[in-house]
Amino acid sequence: MLRWSFWFALLACGANKPAVTGPSELVKRDIERAEKAEENRDHNVARKYYEKAIGNAKDPISIGYARREFAETLATWGEIESALGQLEKAVAATPDDPIAWQMLGIIRASDVVHDIPGAFTALEKSKQLAPRSYIPRRDLAVLHWKLGHKQEALAEYKAMLELDLPTRLRDKVEWAIEELEKSDSTAQPPPGPAPAPTP
């Protein structure tokens, strides 16, 4: 382990510190404990560890990660407004996190928040940050379809066909395109996605 004096010498010479590539081990451990408690349906213990992770998060990546993970669980608990607050802080800490932006878009589109312009902004940001991911495009397509924007939904689904999709999802996308291209289609869009992305 390098001594602090060495790091200060590097900084004094104008060298950059190594880039942080992930959340701190302490924060990851807190999140793992929270998730284990949640698996055991011990919500109070889970909440304690999520809050501890946020308190232990000192760098932007750790802050964004801890708040994003807590937001996902808050959403499953039905605490949508609290999840919204955590996600807004997550994207403020890590504005280049496409997952946090995607989750924020879904929460904003929820019946509780119903911030449709904000949902589109967040999902478009997620798509911009992860152009090869189908997840933000899927969410945009579903939201457009629900709002009756068939041409916009169709464009997103067609763009998804250019991506590497699981076979079952590709079948669903092709079905959606067929339905949207029918002038008399009364088919409803598929159910909206969960706040957390699917693999």
C-alpha atoms as a PDB file:
ATOM      1  CA  MET A   1       0.000   0.000   0.000  1.00  0.00           C
ATOM      2  CA  LEU A   2       1.359   3.400  -0.951  1.00  0.00           C
ATOM      3  CA  ARG A   3       2.016   5.930   1.776  1.00  0.00           C
ATOM      4  CA  TRP A   4      -0.039   9.108   1.890  1.00  0.00           C
ATOM      5  CA  SER A   5       3.152  11.149   1.550  1.00  0.00           C
ATOM      6  CA  PHE A   6       3.748   9.516  -1.825  1.00  0.00           C
ATOM      7  CA  TRP A   7       0.261  10.487  -3.015  1.00  0.00           C
ATOM      8  CA  PHE A   8       0.770  14.062  -1.848  1.00  0.00           C
ATOM      9  CA  ALA A   9       4.087  14.172  -3.727  1.00  0.00           C
ATOM     10  CA  LEU A  10       2.367  12.973  -6.902  1.00  0.00           C
ATOM     11  CA  LEU A  11      -0.338  15.590  -6.539  1.00  0.00           C
ATOM     12  CA  ALA A  12       2.214  18.293  -5.942  1.00  0.00           C
ATOM     13  CA  CYS A  13       3.899  17.313  -9.218  1.00  0.00           C
ATOM     14  CA  GLY A  14       0.600  17.595 -11.054  1.00  0.00           C
ATOM     15  CA  ALA A  15      -0.002  13.849 -11.459  1.00  0.00           C
ATOM     16  CA  ASN A  16      -3.557  12.569 -11.434  1.00  0.00           C
ATOM     17  CA  LYS A  17      -4.797  10.078  -8.890  1.00  0.00           C
ATOM     18  CA  PRO A  18      -5.832   6.715 -10.324  1.00  0.00           C
ATOM     19  CA  ALA A  19      -9.413   6.735 -11.548  1.00  0.00           C
ATOM     20  CA  VAL A  20     -11.965   5.164  -9.237  1.00  0.00           C
ATOM     21  CA  THR A  21     -13.524   2.240 -11.099  1.00  0.00           C
ATOM     22  CA  GLY A  22     -16.187   1.128  -8.657  1.00  0.00           C
ATOM     23  CA  PRO A  23     -17.751   1.702  -5.268  1.00  0.00           C
ATOM     24  CA  SER A  24     -15.629   1.272  -2.177  1.00  0.00           C
ATOM     25  CA  GLU A  25     -15.345  -2.163  -0.596  1.00  0.00           C
ATOM     26  CA  LEU A  26     -17.021  -0.840   2.549  1.00  0.00           C
ATOM     27  CA  VAL A  27     -20.043   0.386   0.603  1.00  0.00           C
ATOM     28  CA  LYS A  28     -20.259  -2.843  -1.408  1.00  0.00           C
ATOM     29  CA  ARG A  29     -20.189  -4.840   1.829  1.00  0.00           C
ATOM     30  CA  ASP A  30     -22.996  -2.727   3.319  1.00  0.00           C
ATOM     31  CA  ILE A  31     -25.093  -3.206   0.174  1.00  0.00           C
ATOM     32  CA  GLU A  32     -24.473  -6.972   0.222  1.00  0.00           C
ATOM     33  CA  ARG A  33     -25.678  -7.085   3.840  1.00  0.00           C
ATOM     34  CA  ALA A  34     -28.732  -5.027   2.942  1.00  0.00           C
ATOM     35  CA  GLU A  35     -29.574  -7.339   0.061  1.00  0.00           C
ATOM     36  CA  LYS A  36     -29.120 -10.415   2.251  1.00  0.00           C
ATOM     37  CA  ALA A  37     -31.480  -8.925   4.844  1.00  0.00           C
ATOM     38  CA  GLU A  38     -33.963  -8.121   2.083  1.00  0.00           C
ATOM     39  CA  GLU A  39     -33.802 -11.716   0.829  1.00  0.00           C
ATOM     40  CA  ASN A  40     -34.771 -12.744   4.370  1.00  0.00           C
ATOM     41  CA  ARG A  41     -37.586 -10.153   4.289  1.00  0.00           C
ATOM     42  CA  ASP A  42     -36.028  -8.276   7.177  1.00  0.00           C
ATOM     43  CA  HIS A  43     -36.819  -4.822   5.798  1.00  0.00           C
ATOM     44  CA  ASN A  44     -35.743  -2.895   8.888  1.00  0.00           C
ATOM     45  CA  VAL A  45     -32.273  -4.441   8.847  1.00  0.00           C
ATOM     46  CA  ALA A  46     -32.043  -3.921   5.086  1.00  0.00           C
ATOM     47  CA  ARG A  47     -32.933  -0.243   5.492  1.00  0.00           C
ATOM     48  CA  LYS A  48     -30.297   0.126   8.210  1.00  0.00           C
ATOM     49  CA  TYR A  49     -27.565  -1.254   5.936  1.00  0.00           C
ATOM     50  CA  TYR A  50     -28.659   0.798   2.917  1.00  0.00           C
ATOM     51  CA  GLU A  51     -28.539   3.926   5.065  1.00  0.00           C
ATOM     52  CA  LYS A  52     -25.166   2.837   6.447  1.00  0.00           C
ATOM     53  CA  ALA A  53     -23.864   2.388   2.884  1.00  0.00           C
ATOM     54  CA  ILE A  54     -24.968   5.918   2.029  1.00  0.00           C
ATOM     55  CA  GLY A  55     -23.260   7.238   5.164  1.00  0.00           C
ATOM     56  CA  ASN A  56     -20.053   5.361   4.308  1.00  0.00           C
ATOM     57  CA  ALA A  57     -20.028   6.534   0.679  1.00  0.00           C
ATOM     58  CA  LYS A  58     -17.386   9.232   0.343  1.00  0.00           C
ATOM     59  CA  ASP A  59     -16.623   9.307  -3.396  1.00  0.00           C
ATOM     60  CA  PRO A  60     -19.123  10.017  -6.207  1.00  0.00           C
ATOM     61  CA  ILE A  61     -19.186   6.442  -7.540  1.00  0.00           C
ATOM     62  CA  SER A  62     -19.887   4.995  -4.098  1.00  0.00           C
ATOM     63  CA  ILE A  63     -22.549   7.644  -3.441  1.00  0.00           C
ATOM     64  CA  GLY A  64     -24.298   6.985  -6.753  1.00  0.00           C
ATOM     65  CA  TYR A  65     -24.149   3.224  -6.298  1.00  0.00           C
ATOM     66  CA  ALA A  66     -25.435   3.224  -2.705  1.00  0.00           C
ATOM     67  CA  ARG A  67     -28.312   5.570  -3.497  1.00  0.00           C
ATOM     68  CA  ARG A  68     -29.246   3.713  -6.693  1.00  0.00           C
ATOM     69  CA  GLU A  69     -29.342   0.359  -4.905  1.00  0.00           C
ATOM     70  CA  PHE A  70     -31.413   1.789  -2.048  1.00  0.00           C
ATOM     71  CA  ALA A  71     -33.797   3.384  -4.563  1.00  0.00           C
ATOM     72  CA  GLU A  72     -34.390   0.051  -6.266  1.00  0.00           C
ATOM     73  CA  THR A  73     -35.423  -1.516  -2.967  1.00  0.00           C
ATOM     74  CA  LEU A  74     -37.519   1.489  -1.936  1.00  0.00           C
ATOM     75  CA  ALA A  75     -39.447   1.128  -5.182  1.00  0.00           C
ATOM     76  CA  THR A  76     -40.173  -2.536  -4.428  1.00  0.00           C
ATOM     77  CA  TRP A  77     -41.448  -1.422  -1.011  1.00  0.00           C
ATOM     78  CA  GLY A  78     -43.799   1.037  -2.697  1.00  0.00           C
ATOM     79  CA  GLU A  79     -41.879   4.068  -1.365  1.00  0.00           C
ATOM     80  CA  ILE A  80     -41.836   5.704  -4.781  1.00  0.00           C
ATOM     81  CA  GLU A  81     -41.235   9.297  -3.718  1.00  0.00           C
ATOM     82  CA  SER A  82     -38.323   8.233  -1.512  1.00  0.00           C
ATOM     83  CA  ALA A  83     -36.928   6.199  -4.411  1.00  0.00           C
ATOM     84  CA  LEU A  84     -37.231   9.293  -6.610  1.00  0.00           C
ATOM     85  CA  GLY A  85     -35.212  11.354  -4.126  1.00  0.00           C
ATOM     86  CA  GLN A  86     -32.482   8.722  -3.930  1.00  0.00           C
ATOM     87  CA  LEU A  87     -32.235   8.443  -7.719  1.00  0.00           C
ATOM     88  CA  GLU A  88     -32.038  12.196  -8.194  1.00  0.00           C
ATOM     89  CA  LYS A  89     -29.098  12.221  -5.770  1.00  0.00           C
ATOM     90  CA  ALA A  90     -27.585   9.197  -7.531  1.00  0.00           C
ATOM     91  CA  VAL A  91     -27.555  10.870 -10.952  1.00  0.00           C
ATOM     92  CA  ALA A  92     -26.221  14.078  -9.399  1.00  0.00           C
ATOM     93  CA  ALA A  93     -23.282  12.077  -8.000  1.00  0.00           C
ATOM     94  CA  THR A  94     -22.747   9.909 -11.087  1.00  0.00           C
ATOM     95  CA  PRO A  95     -24.263  11.638 -14.123  1.00  0.00           C
ATOM     96  CA  ASP A  96     -22.721   9.046 -16.447  1.00  0.00           C
ATOM     97  CA  ASP A  97     -24.576   6.063 -14.904  1.00  0.00           C
ATOM     98  CA  PRO A  98     -27.100   4.820 -17.503  1.00  0.00           C
ATOM     99  CA  ILE A  99     -28.741   2.444 -15.020  1.00  0.00           C
ATOM    100  CA  ALA A 100     -29.545   5.226 -12.556  1.00  0.00           C
ATOM    101  CA  TRP A 101     -30.975   7.365 -15.365  1.00  0.00           C
ATOM    102  CA  GLN A 102     -33.078   4.442 -16.623  1.00  0.00           C
ATOM    103  CA  MET A 103     -34.452   3.787 -13.147  1.00  0.00           C
ATOM    104  CA  LEU A 104     -35.146   7.499 -12.697  1.00  0.00           C
ATOM    105  CA  GLY A 105     -37.105   7.518 -15.947  1.00  0.00           C
ATOM    106  CA  ILE A 106     -39.283   4.619 -14.803  1.00  0.00           C
ATOM    107  CA  ILE A 107     -39.935   6.210 -11.411  1.00  0.00           C
ATOM    108  CA  ARG A 108     -40.803   9.559 -13.008  1.00  0.00           C
ATOM    109  CA  ALA A 109     -43.238   7.793 -15.358  1.00  0.00           C
ATOM    110  CA  SER A 110     -44.971   6.030 -12.454  1.00  0.00           C
ATOM    111  CA  ASP A 111     -48.550   6.880 -11.508  1.00  0.00           C
ATOM    112  CA  VAL A 112     -47.273   8.308  -8.213  1.00  0.00           C
ATOM    113  CA  VAL A 113     -44.839  10.817  -9.712  1.00  0.00           C
ATOM    114  CA  HIS A 114     -46.297  11.155 -13.237  1.00  0.00           C
ATOM    115  CA  ASP A 115     -43.564  13.448 -14.554  1.00  0.00           C
ATOM    116  CA  ILE A 116     -43.746  12.368 -18.198  1.00  0.00           C
ATOM    117  CA  PRO A 117     -41.393  15.033 -19.622  1.00  0.00           C
ATOM    118  CA  GLY A 118     -38.905  14.188 -16.873  1.00  0.00           C
ATOM    119  CA  ALA A 119     -39.285  10.482 -17.640  1.00  0.00           C
ATOM    120  CA  PHE A 120     -38.459  11.039 -21.298  1.00  0.00           C
ATOM    121  CA  THR A 121     -35.460  13.201 -20.384  1.00  0.00           C
ATOM    122  CA  ALA A 122     -34.061  10.528 -18.065  1.00  0.00           C
ATOM    123  CA  LEU A 123     -34.660   7.647 -20.482  1.00  0.00           C
ATOM    124  CA  GLU A 124     -33.129   9.574 -23.393  1.00  0.00           C
ATOM    125  CA  LYS A 125     -30.084  10.279 -21.201  1.00  0.00           C
ATOM    126  CA  SER A 126     -29.817   6.565 -20.386  1.00  0.00           C
ATOM    127  CA  LYS A 127     -30.023   5.722 -24.099  1.00  0.00           C
ATOM    128  CA  GLN A 128     -27.341   8.299 -24.898  1.00  0.00           C
ATOM    129  CA  LEU A 129     -25.010   6.838 -22.245  1.00  0.00           C
ATOM    130  CA  ALA A 130     -25.646   3.199 -23.248  1.00  0.00           C
ATOM    131  CA  PRO A 131     -26.407   3.241 -26.992  1.00  0.00           C
ATOM    132  CA  ARG A 132     -25.874  -0.522 -27.381  1.00  0.00           C
ATOM    133  CA  SER A 133     -28.244  -1.415 -24.534  1.00  0.00           C
ATOM    134  CA  TYR A 134     -31.796  -2.340 -25.408  1.00  0.00           C
ATOM    135  CA  ILE A 135     -33.154  -1.438 -21.966  1.00  0.00           C
ATOM    136  CA  PRO A 136     -33.653   2.342 -22.332  1.00  0.00           C
ATOM    137  CA  ARG A 137     -35.007   1.902 -25.864  1.00  0.00           C
ATOM    138  CA  ARG A 138     -37.488  -0.708 -24.625  1.00  0.00           C
ATOM    139  CA  ASP A 139     -38.652   1.631 -21.876  1.00  0.00           C
ATOM    140  CA  LEU A 140     -38.970   4.561 -24.275  1.00  0.00           C
ATOM    141  CA  ALA A 141     -40.938   2.414 -26.714  1.00  0.00           C
ATOM    142  CA  VAL A 142     -43.374   1.265 -24.032  1.00  0.00           C
ATOM    143  CA  LEU A 143     -43.851   4.791 -22.700  1.00  0.00           C
ATOM    144  CA  HIS A 144     -44.432   6.216 -26.192  1.00  0.00           C
ATOM    145  CA  TRP A 145     -46.927   3.449 -26.986  1.00  0.00           C
ATOM    146  CA  LYS A 146     -48.844   4.005 -23.742  1.00  0.00           C
ATOM    147  CA  LEU A 147     -49.145   7.686 -24.625  1.00  0.00           C
ATOM    148  CA  GLY A 148     -50.347   6.913 -28.138  1.00  0.00           C
ATOM    149  CA  HIS A 149     -47.111   8.013 -29.847  1.00  0.00           C
ATOM    150  CA  LYS A 150     -47.090   5.041 -32.218  1.00  0.00           C
ATOM    151  CA  GLN A 151     -44.499   6.344 -34.677  1.00  0.00           C
ATOM    152  CA  GLU A 152     -42.019   7.129 -31.906  1.00  0.00           C
ATOM    153  CA  ALA A 153     -42.599   3.715 -30.318  1.00  0.00           C
ATOM    154  CA  LEU A 154     -42.136   2.064 -33.711  1.00  0.00           C
ATOM    155  CA  ALA A 155     -38.830   3.881 -34.241  1.00  0.00           C
ATOM    156  CA  GLU A 156     -37.493   2.674 -30.887  1.00  0.00           C
ATOM    157  CA  TYR A 157     -38.557  -0.926 -31.517  1.00  0.00           C
ATOM    158  CA  LYS A 158     -36.994  -0.925 -34.981  1.00  0.00           C
ATOM    159  CA  ALA A 159     -33.761   0.461 -33.549  1.00  0.00           C
ATOM    160  CA  MET A 160     -33.784  -2.382 -31.015  1.00  0.00           C
ATOM    161  CA  LEU A 161     -33.585  -4.917 -33.852  1.00  0.00           C
ATOM    162  CA  GLU A 162     -30.125  -3.544 -34.633  1.00  0.00           C
ATOM    163  CA  LEU A 163     -28.949  -4.600 -31.171  1.00  0.00           C
ATOM    164  CA  ASP A 164     -27.938  -7.966 -29.754  1.00  0.00           C
ATOM    165  CA  LEU A 165     -31.231  -9.150 -28.243  1.00  0.00           C
ATOM    166  CA  PRO A 166     -32.183 -12.352 -26.449  1.00  0.00           C
ATOM    167  CA  THR A 167     -34.393 -14.500 -28.711  1.00  0.00           C
ATOM    168  CA  ARG A 168     -37.533 -14.104 -26.589  1.00  0.00           C
ATOM    169  CA  LEU A 169     -37.148 -10.335 -26.518  1.00  0.00           C
ATOM    170  CA  ARG A 170     -36.519 -10.197 -30.275  1.00  0.00           C
ATOM    171  CA  ASP A 171     -39.792 -12.096 -30.797  1.00  0.00           C
ATOM    172  CA  LYS A 172     -41.649  -9.584 -28.613  1.00  0.00           C
ATOM    173  CA  VAL A 173     -40.079  -6.648 -30.452  1.00  0.00           C
ATOM    174  CA  GLU A 174     -41.107  -8.100 -33.817  1.00  0.00           C
ATOM    175  CA  TRP A 175     -44.656  -8.600 -32.506  1.00  0.00           C
ATOM    176  CA  ALA A 176     -44.748  -4.994 -31.282  1.00  0.00           C
ATOM    177  CA  ILE A 177     -43.583  -3.705 -34.665  1.00  0.00           C
ATOM    178  CA  GLU A 178     -46.267  -5.722 -36.459  1.00  0.00           C
ATOM    179  CA  GLU A 179     -48.957  -4.368 -34.138  1.00  0.00           C
ATOM    180  CA  LEU A 180     -47.798  -0.780 -34.406  1.00  0.00           C
ATOM    181  CA  GLU A 181     -47.699  -0.978 -38.201  1.00  0.00           C
ATOM    182  CA  LYS A 182     -51.364  -2.047 -38.326  1.00  0.00           C
ATOM    183  CA  SER A 183     -53.554   0.998 -38.749  1.00  0.00           C
ATOM    184  CA  ASP A 184     -56.450  -0.647 -36.904  1.00  0.00           C
ATOM    185  CA  SER A 185     -54.480  -2.311 -34.111  1.00  0.00           C
ATOM    186  CA  THR A 186     -56.029  -2.092 -30.665  1.00  0.00           C
ATOM    187  CA  ALA A 187     -53.227  -4.043 -28.983  1.00  0.00           C
ATOM    188  CA  GLN A 188     -51.926  -2.596 -25.753  1.00  0.00           C
ATOM    189  CA  PRO A 189     -48.218  -2.114 -25.130  1.00  0.00           C
ATOM    190  CA  PRO A 190     -46.466  -4.734 -23.049  1.00  0.00           C
ATOM    191  CA  PRO A 191     -46.438  -4.112 -19.295  1.00  0.00           C
ATOM    192  CA  GLY A 192     -44.137  -1.334 -18.197  1.00  0.00           C
ATOM    193  CA  PRO A 193     -40.682  -2.312 -17.009  1.00  0.00           C
ATOM    194  CA  ALA A 194     -39.619  -2.545 -13.397  1.00  0.00           C
ATOM    195  CA  PRO A 195     -37.573   0.283 -11.873  1.00  0.00           C
ATOM    196  CA  ALA A 196     -34.472  -1.866 -12.091  1.00  0.00           C
ATOM    197  CA  PRO A 197     -33.152  -3.030 -15.441  1.00  0.00           C
ATOM    198  CA  THR A 198     -33.467  -6.646 -16.432  1.00  0.00           C
ATOM    199  CA  PRO A 199     -30.353  -8.528 -17.531  1.00  0.00           C
END
